[in-house]
Amino acid sequence: MKRVYYIFTPGKLKRKENTVFFIPFQEYNEQEDENLQDEILLSVDSEVKATDMKSKKVIPVNDIDSFHILTEAAFNTKFLDFCSRNKIPIHYYNYYGYYSGTFYPKEYLLSGSLLVKQVKTYSSKIKRLKLAQLIVTGASYNIIRNLKYYNTRGCNLGTQIDTIECLITTIHGTTNIEELMGIEGNIRKVYYTSFSEIMGNEYEDFSRAYHPPDNPLNAIISFANSMAYTTVLSEIYRTQLNPTVSFLHEPGERRFSLALDIAEIFKPIFADRLIFKMINNKQIQSKDFESKLNGFYLKPKARKKFVEEFEKKLATTIKHRKLNRSISYRRLIRLECYKIIKHLIGEKEFEPFKIWW
């Protein structure tokens, strides 16, 4: 099985024939200029020319699923062309560890007929709303499962569970996307009030803030959500779905909005559960955050620690109840994409993934 590669060390990516070489810079100083901190270095010749050839890492192309670059990296257009020809997406993150963009290779599983059906479903108010409602239903169910799990382990979450279950009953009565998004937002708002109970008084009176995150918990949630989004995007690339045509989130410029849709279903499982576990187990503590530019950010070592646990979780296997075989958590995302395809072509109505364990 191909592997996802995360680049945390500044260096140069090169290719020779069917092999990728990662060569760390010998000397590297972080840029302190805030105008440069949000930039990913993409150049033919890096300003840091010296590289440590002794520490180079050799990566066979057949072993690469995708790259996640969480630092400064130098490479040229030939390397991008190489990744495109070998169907390797590259996800970039800025200085603070937040998702910046994706090099999305030329699609290789093209289906004009599916694209037409995907666009027609989006264009139909009734069809789009129905699929969006199913997505929100799946995401809300997985949120409830998280709350019920912790409610049986000493947390008092009965109020949040009752409120969200009441909100869930209103999902299929919505008449437009805006109303549905409002309910989804209210469910998330109630959900976040449970975080202080799950993780302790340090996060009391928590509320979600984005740009920038105004406390450590918002910082790790934003980072975890970015990881979930890019993971979903990589799986969409392996299917015939178009990542820019979505149903819950409004398609827009410069974003792969279908990945946002599907990520809603999996964030409670892959992001939130991991946050709860790592904070409760003291794997990530207040010392792992830094405050800059009126916001909080995970330090690089903590990002690496989170990514390691994130990948372990995605590699975990479970016995699928319908397929009757063991599959990885990551594979569940691909299966969700296939279920959406079947829904779009009219083969079978979409049933969102609902956690059963």
Protein backbone atom coordinates (compact mmCIF):
# COMPACT_ATOMS: atom_id res chain seq x y z
CA MET A 1 0.00 0.00 0.00
CA LYS A 2 1.27 3.48 -0.86
CA ARG A 3 2.24 5.83 1.95
CA VAL A 4 1.50 9.46 2.76
CA TYR A 5 4.70 11.47 3.26
CA TYR A 6 4.83 14.48 5.60
CA ILE A 7 7.72 16.92 5.19
CA PHE A 8 8.57 18.66 8.48
CA THR A 9 12.26 19.36 7.83
CA PRO A 10 13.19 22.21 5.46
CA GLY A 11 14.90 20.81 2.42
CA LYS A 12 14.88 20.11 -1.29
CA LEU A 13 12.76 17.60 -3.20
CA LYS A 14 14.37 16.18 -6.32
CA ARG A 15 13.58 13.36 -8.68
CA LYS A 16 15.78 11.06 -10.70
CA GLU A 17 14.08 8.56 -12.97
CA ASN A 18 11.45 6.82 -10.79
CA THR A 19 12.86 7.89 -7.43
CA VAL A 20 12.27 10.95 -5.26
CA PHE A 21 15.09 12.31 -3.10
CA PHE A 22 14.48 14.52 -0.10
CA ILE A 23 17.65 16.37 0.92
CA PRO A 24 17.54 18.49 4.13
CA PHE A 25 19.14 21.93 4.12
CA GLN A 26 22.43 21.98 6.00
CA GLU A 27 21.75 25.36 7.57
CA TYR A 28 18.33 26.87 7.92
CA ASN A 29 17.01 29.80 9.91
CA GLU A 30 13.28 30.42 10.21
CA GLN A 31 12.09 33.61 8.59
CA GLU A 32 10.88 36.02 11.25
CA ASP A 33 9.43 38.53 8.80
CA GLU A 34 5.66 38.14 9.20
CA ASN A 35 5.22 38.92 5.50
CA LEU A 36 7.17 35.75 4.72
CA GLN A 37 5.73 33.53 7.41
CA ASP A 38 2.59 32.73 5.47
CA GLU A 39 4.50 31.76 2.34
CA ILE A 40 5.59 28.35 1.12
CA LEU A 41 8.89 28.56 -0.73
CA LEU A 42 8.39 27.31 -4.28
CA SER A 43 11.43 28.07 -6.39
CA VAL A 44 13.88 26.53 -8.78
CA ASP A 45 16.84 27.58 -6.62
CA SER A 46 16.28 27.95 -2.91
CA GLU A 47 17.90 30.81 -1.05
CA VAL A 48 19.32 28.06 1.16
CA LYS A 49 21.52 26.32 -1.40
CA ALA A 50 23.56 24.09 0.89
CA THR A 51 21.98 20.68 1.38
CA ASP A 52 22.96 17.75 3.51
CA MET A 53 23.53 14.96 0.99
CA LYS A 54 24.46 12.49 3.74
CA SER A 55 20.97 12.80 5.24
CA LYS A 56 19.05 12.40 2.00
CA LYS A 57 15.98 10.17 2.05
CA VAL A 58 15.23 7.98 -0.95
CA ILE A 59 11.54 7.46 -1.76
CA PRO A 60 10.50 5.10 -4.59
CA VAL A 61 7.71 6.68 -6.60
CA ASN A 62 5.56 3.56 -6.30
CA ASP A 63 5.53 4.07 -2.53
CA ILE A 64 4.09 7.61 -2.64
CA ASP A 65 0.39 8.31 -2.19
CA SER A 66 0.72 12.05 -1.52
CA PHE A 67 2.94 14.69 0.06
CA HIS A 68 2.06 17.05 2.92
CA ILE A 69 4.59 19.89 3.15
CA LEU A 70 4.53 21.62 6.56
CA THR A 71 7.72 23.62 6.18
CA GLU A 72 9.76 25.38 3.51
CA ALA A 73 10.70 23.16 0.59
CA ALA A 74 12.48 23.80 -2.67
CA PHE A 75 11.71 22.05 -5.95
CA ASN A 76 11.23 22.91 -9.59
CA THR A 77 8.54 22.55 -12.23
CA LYS A 78 10.06 19.27 -13.44
CA PHE A 79 9.33 17.82 -10.02
CA LEU A 80 5.70 19.03 -10.23
CA ASP A 81 5.39 17.49 -13.68
CA PHE A 82 6.79 14.25 -12.27
CA CYS A 83 4.18 14.29 -9.47
CA SER A 84 1.42 15.02 -11.95
CA ARG A 85 2.40 12.14 -14.22
CA ASN A 86 2.54 9.80 -11.22
CA LYS A 87 -0.76 11.04 -9.77
CA ILE A 88 0.73 12.42 -6.54
CA PRO A 89 -1.16 15.31 -4.87
CA ILE A 90 0.89 17.79 -2.83
CA HIS A 91 -0.76 19.60 0.09
CA TYR A 92 0.87 22.77 1.42
CA TYR A 93 0.61 24.31 4.88
CA ASN A 94 1.73 27.78 5.90
CA TYR A 95 4.20 28.86 8.58
CA TYR A 96 1.58 28.32 11.30
CA GLY A 97 0.67 24.83 10.15
CA TYR A 98 -2.66 25.69 8.51
CA TYR A 99 -3.71 24.46 5.11
CA SER A 100 -2.60 26.76 2.34
CA GLY A 101 -3.35 24.94 -0.90
CA THR A 102 -3.00 21.80 -2.98
CA PHE A 103 -1.19 20.87 -6.15
CA TYR A 104 -3.94 18.74 -7.65
CA PRO A 105 -2.55 16.63 -10.52
CA LYS A 106 -4.41 16.25 -13.76
CA GLU A 107 -7.43 14.06 -13.15
CA TYR A 108 -6.94 10.57 -14.52
CA LEU A 109 -10.32 8.97 -13.72
CA LEU A 110 -12.40 11.24 -15.90
CA SER A 111 -16.10 10.59 -16.43
CA GLY A 112 -18.03 13.16 -18.39
CA SER A 113 -21.36 11.44 -17.68
CA LEU A 114 -20.72 11.45 -13.91
CA LEU A 115 -19.68 15.09 -13.99
CA VAL A 116 -22.93 15.96 -15.75
CA LYS A 117 -24.92 14.09 -13.09
CA GLN A 118 -22.91 15.75 -10.31
CA VAL A 119 -23.64 19.20 -11.71
CA LYS A 120 -27.32 18.36 -12.32
CA THR A 121 -27.69 17.22 -8.71
CA TYR A 122 -26.12 20.47 -7.52
CA SER A 123 -28.34 22.49 -9.88
CA SER A 124 -31.54 20.80 -8.68
CA LYS A 125 -32.75 22.42 -5.46
CA ILE A 126 -34.54 19.24 -4.38
CA LYS A 127 -31.73 16.79 -5.23
CA ARG A 128 -29.00 18.97 -3.77
CA LEU A 129 -30.92 19.58 -0.55
CA LYS A 130 -31.64 15.88 -0.10
CA LEU A 131 -27.98 14.90 -0.43
CA ALA A 132 -26.86 17.79 1.81
CA GLN A 133 -29.39 16.70 4.46
CA LEU A 134 -27.95 13.18 4.41
CA ILE A 135 -24.43 14.56 4.86
CA VAL A 136 -25.47 16.65 7.87
CA THR A 137 -27.38 13.67 9.30
CA GLY A 138 -24.26 11.50 9.12
CA ALA A 139 -22.02 14.16 10.66
CA SER A 140 -24.54 14.82 13.46
CA TYR A 141 -24.91 11.13 14.24
CA ASN A 142 -21.14 10.77 14.63
CA ILE A 143 -21.10 13.82 16.91
CA ILE A 144 -23.77 12.22 19.08
CA ARG A 145 -21.75 9.01 19.23
CA ASN A 146 -18.78 10.96 20.57
CA LEU A 147 -20.93 12.59 23.24
CA LYS A 148 -22.56 9.33 24.30
CA TYR A 149 -19.14 7.69 24.54
CA TYR A 150 -17.90 10.30 27.01
CA ASN A 151 -21.26 10.55 28.76
CA THR A 152 -20.75 6.96 29.95
CA ARG A 153 -17.25 7.79 31.17
CA GLY A 154 -17.92 10.34 33.86
CA CYS A 155 -18.88 13.36 31.75
CA ASN A 156 -22.26 15.02 32.21
CA LEU A 157 -23.33 15.59 28.60
CA GLY A 158 -27.03 14.78 28.78
CA THR A 159 -28.11 18.34 27.97
CA GLN A 160 -25.95 18.54 24.84
CA ILE A 161 -27.10 15.10 23.67
CA ASP A 162 -30.80 15.97 24.12
CA THR A 163 -30.41 19.34 22.38
CA ILE A 164 -28.53 17.92 19.39
CA GLU A 165 -30.93 15.00 19.02
CA CYS A 166 -33.78 17.51 18.94
CA LEU A 167 -31.97 19.55 16.26
CA ILE A 168 -31.35 16.40 14.21
CA THR A 169 -35.10 15.83 13.93
CA THR A 170 -35.41 19.17 12.10
CA ILE A 171 -32.78 18.40 9.41
CA HIS A 172 -35.12 16.75 6.92
CA GLY A 173 -37.71 19.48 7.36
CA THR A 174 -35.43 22.17 5.98
CA THR A 175 -36.43 23.77 2.70
CA ASN A 176 -33.13 25.29 1.56
CA ILE A 177 -29.37 25.00 2.04
CA GLU A 178 -29.14 28.18 4.13
CA GLU A 179 -31.63 26.84 6.66
CA LEU A 180 -29.82 23.49 6.74
CA MET A 181 -26.45 25.17 7.29
CA GLY A 182 -28.01 27.11 10.15
CA ILE A 183 -29.06 23.88 11.86
CA GLU A 184 -25.66 22.34 11.23
CA GLY A 185 -24.04 25.41 12.78
CA ASN A 186 -26.27 25.18 15.84
CA ILE A 187 -25.40 21.50 16.27
CA ARG A 188 -21.71 22.35 16.16
CA LYS A 189 -22.19 25.21 18.61
CA VAL A 190 -23.88 22.93 21.14
CA TYR A 191 -21.27 20.25 20.51
CA TYR A 192 -18.43 22.64 21.33
CA THR A 193 -19.99 23.43 24.72
CA SER A 194 -19.19 19.83 25.69
CA PHE A 195 -15.45 20.19 25.12
CA SER A 196 -14.71 21.70 28.54
CA GLU A 197 -16.50 18.77 30.19
CA ILE A 198 -14.61 16.22 28.09
CA MET A 199 -11.18 17.83 28.45
CA GLY A 200 -11.34 19.67 31.76
CA ASN A 201 -11.84 23.18 33.12
CA GLU A 202 -8.82 24.52 31.24
CA TYR A 203 -11.15 24.87 28.24
CA GLU A 204 -14.15 26.25 30.11
CA ASP A 205 -16.47 28.57 28.15
CA PHE A 206 -14.90 27.48 24.88
CA SER A 207 -16.30 28.94 21.66
CA ARG A 208 -15.08 28.36 18.12
CA ALA A 209 -12.93 31.04 16.49
CA TYR A 210 -11.08 30.72 13.20
CA HIS A 211 -8.99 33.62 11.88
CA PRO A 212 -6.81 33.50 13.86
CA PRO A 213 -7.55 30.86 16.53
CA ASP A 214 -7.87 32.77 19.80
CA ASN A 215 -6.90 29.95 22.18
CA PRO A 216 -4.97 26.64 22.13
CA LEU A 217 -8.07 24.48 21.65
CA ASN A 218 -9.14 26.44 18.58
CA ALA A 219 -5.60 26.08 17.25
CA ILE A 220 -5.56 22.29 17.46
CA ILE A 221 -9.13 22.01 16.10
CA SER A 222 -8.17 24.09 13.06
CA PHE A 223 -5.07 21.99 12.45
CA ALA A 224 -6.96 18.71 12.88
CA ASN A 225 -9.71 19.88 10.51
CA SER A 226 -7.08 20.78 7.92
CA MET A 227 -5.66 17.28 8.16
CA ALA A 228 -9.12 15.75 7.73
CA TYR A 229 -9.85 18.01 4.73
CA THR A 230 -6.63 17.18 2.86
CA THR A 231 -7.01 13.47 3.60
CA VAL A 232 -10.50 13.50 2.11
CA LEU A 233 -9.27 15.49 -0.88
CA SER A 234 -6.59 12.88 -1.62
CA GLU A 235 -9.23 10.15 -1.55
CA ILE A 236 -11.57 12.09 -3.84
CA TYR A 237 -8.70 12.31 -6.34
CA ARG A 238 -8.68 8.51 -6.55
CA THR A 239 -12.30 8.51 -7.73
CA GLN A 240 -14.25 10.00 -10.65
CA LEU A 241 -15.84 12.70 -8.51
CA ASN A 242 -15.10 16.35 -9.28
CA PRO A 243 -13.83 17.97 -6.05
CA THR A 244 -15.14 21.45 -6.88
CA VAL A 245 -18.83 20.52 -7.19
CA SER A 246 -20.36 20.19 -3.73
CA PHE A 247 -23.79 19.98 -2.18
CA LEU A 248 -23.73 21.20 1.42
CA HIS A 249 -21.04 23.85 1.09
CA GLU A 250 -21.40 26.33 -1.73
CA PRO A 251 -18.90 25.75 -4.55
CA GLY A 252 -16.57 28.71 -4.80
CA GLU A 253 -13.29 29.94 -6.15
CA ARG A 254 -9.98 28.45 -5.01
CA ARG A 255 -11.34 25.60 -2.90
CA PHE A 256 -12.29 21.96 -3.26
CA SER A 257 -15.68 22.24 -1.63
CA LEU A 258 -16.71 18.60 -2.03
CA ALA A 259 -13.87 17.71 0.36
CA LEU A 260 -15.49 20.06 2.89
CA ASP A 261 -18.78 18.17 2.51
CA ILE A 262 -17.33 14.71 3.04
CA ALA A 263 -14.96 15.88 5.80
CA GLU A 264 -18.00 16.90 7.88
CA ILE A 265 -18.89 13.22 8.24
CA PHE A 266 -15.40 12.18 9.35
CA LYS A 267 -14.19 15.10 11.48
CA PRO A 268 -15.91 13.80 14.64
CA ILE A 269 -14.07 10.49 14.17
CA PHE A 270 -10.64 11.41 12.83
CA ALA A 271 -10.18 14.91 14.24
CA ASP A 272 -12.28 15.39 17.39
CA ARG A 273 -11.70 11.96 18.93
CA LEU A 274 -7.97 12.32 18.41
CA ILE A 275 -7.99 15.78 20.03
CA PHE A 276 -9.84 14.44 23.07
CA LYS A 277 -7.45 11.51 23.39
CA MET A 278 -4.23 13.48 23.03
CA ILE A 279 -5.22 16.26 25.40
CA ASN A 280 -6.66 13.93 28.05
CA ASN A 281 -3.54 11.74 27.85
CA LYS A 282 -1.30 14.82 28.14
CA GLN A 283 0.27 14.05 24.76
CA ILE A 284 -0.40 17.69 23.88
CA GLN A 285 -0.29 20.33 26.63
CA SER A 286 -0.36 24.10 26.94
CA LYS A 287 3.44 24.23 26.44
CA ASP A 288 2.90 22.85 22.91
CA PHE A 289 1.25 26.09 21.75
CA GLU A 290 2.62 29.52 20.99
CA SER A 291 0.93 32.88 20.67
CA LYS A 292 1.78 35.08 17.69
CA LEU A 293 -0.03 37.83 15.82
CA ASN A 294 -2.96 37.75 18.29
CA GLY A 295 -3.52 34.04 17.72
CA PHE A 296 -2.47 30.63 19.02
CA TYR A 297 -0.65 28.00 17.01
CA LEU A 298 0.64 24.47 17.51
CA LYS A 299 4.42 24.35 17.72
CA PRO A 300 6.14 22.31 14.99
CA LYS A 301 7.01 19.41 17.30
CA ALA A 302 3.40 19.19 18.45
CA ARG A 303 2.18 19.21 14.82
CA LYS A 304 4.47 16.29 14.08
CA LYS A 305 3.21 14.46 17.16
CA PHE A 306 -0.39 15.02 16.10
CA VAL A 307 0.29 13.88 12.53
CA GLU A 308 1.91 10.68 13.78
CA GLU A 309 -1.19 9.85 15.83
CA PHE A 310 -3.45 10.92 12.96
CA GLU A 311 -1.74 8.50 10.57
CA LYS A 312 -1.89 5.70 13.13
CA LYS A 313 -5.62 6.24 13.43
CA LEU A 314 -6.16 6.23 9.66
CA ALA A 315 -4.17 2.99 9.41
CA THR A 316 -6.35 1.31 12.07
CA THR A 317 -8.47 -1.48 10.62
CA ILE A 318 -12.01 -2.51 11.50
CA LYS A 319 -14.31 -5.30 10.37
CA HIS A 320 -16.74 -3.70 7.95
CA ARG A 321 -20.24 -4.91 8.70
CA LYS A 322 -21.45 -4.94 5.09
CA LEU A 323 -18.25 -5.90 3.27
CA ASN A 324 -17.47 -8.53 5.91
CA ARG A 325 -13.74 -7.83 5.75
CA SER A 326 -11.22 -5.64 7.53
CA ILE A 327 -10.56 -2.19 6.07
CA SER A 328 -8.63 0.83 7.27
CA TYR A 329 -10.18 4.05 8.53
CA ARG A 330 -8.65 5.78 5.49
CA ARG A 331 -10.44 3.34 3.18
CA LEU A 332 -13.76 4.34 4.75
CA ILE A 333 -13.36 7.75 3.11
CA ARG A 334 -12.90 6.21 -0.34
CA LEU A 335 -15.97 4.06 0.21
CA GLU A 336 -17.94 7.20 1.10
CA CYS A 337 -16.94 8.69 -2.25
CA TYR A 338 -18.13 5.55 -4.03
CA LYS A 339 -21.46 5.74 -2.20
CA ILE A 340 -21.92 9.31 -3.39
CA ILE A 341 -21.19 8.19 -6.96
CA LYS A 342 -23.86 5.48 -6.71
CA HIS A 343 -26.29 8.10 -5.41
CA LEU A 344 -25.53 10.48 -8.28
CA ILE A 345 -26.02 7.84 -10.97
CA GLY A 346 -29.25 6.65 -9.35
CA GLU A 347 -27.98 3.22 -8.40
CA LYS A 348 -28.48 3.49 -4.64
CA GLU A 349 -29.47 6.29 -2.25
CA PHE A 350 -26.56 7.64 -0.25
CA GLU A 351 -26.28 6.39 3.31
CA PRO A 352 -23.73 8.45 5.23
CA PHE A 353 -21.14 6.61 7.25
CA LYS A 354 -22.21 6.23 10.87
CA ILE A 355 -19.80 4.99 13.45
CA TRP A 356 -20.91 1.74 15.10
CA TRP A 357 -18.13 1.19 17.61
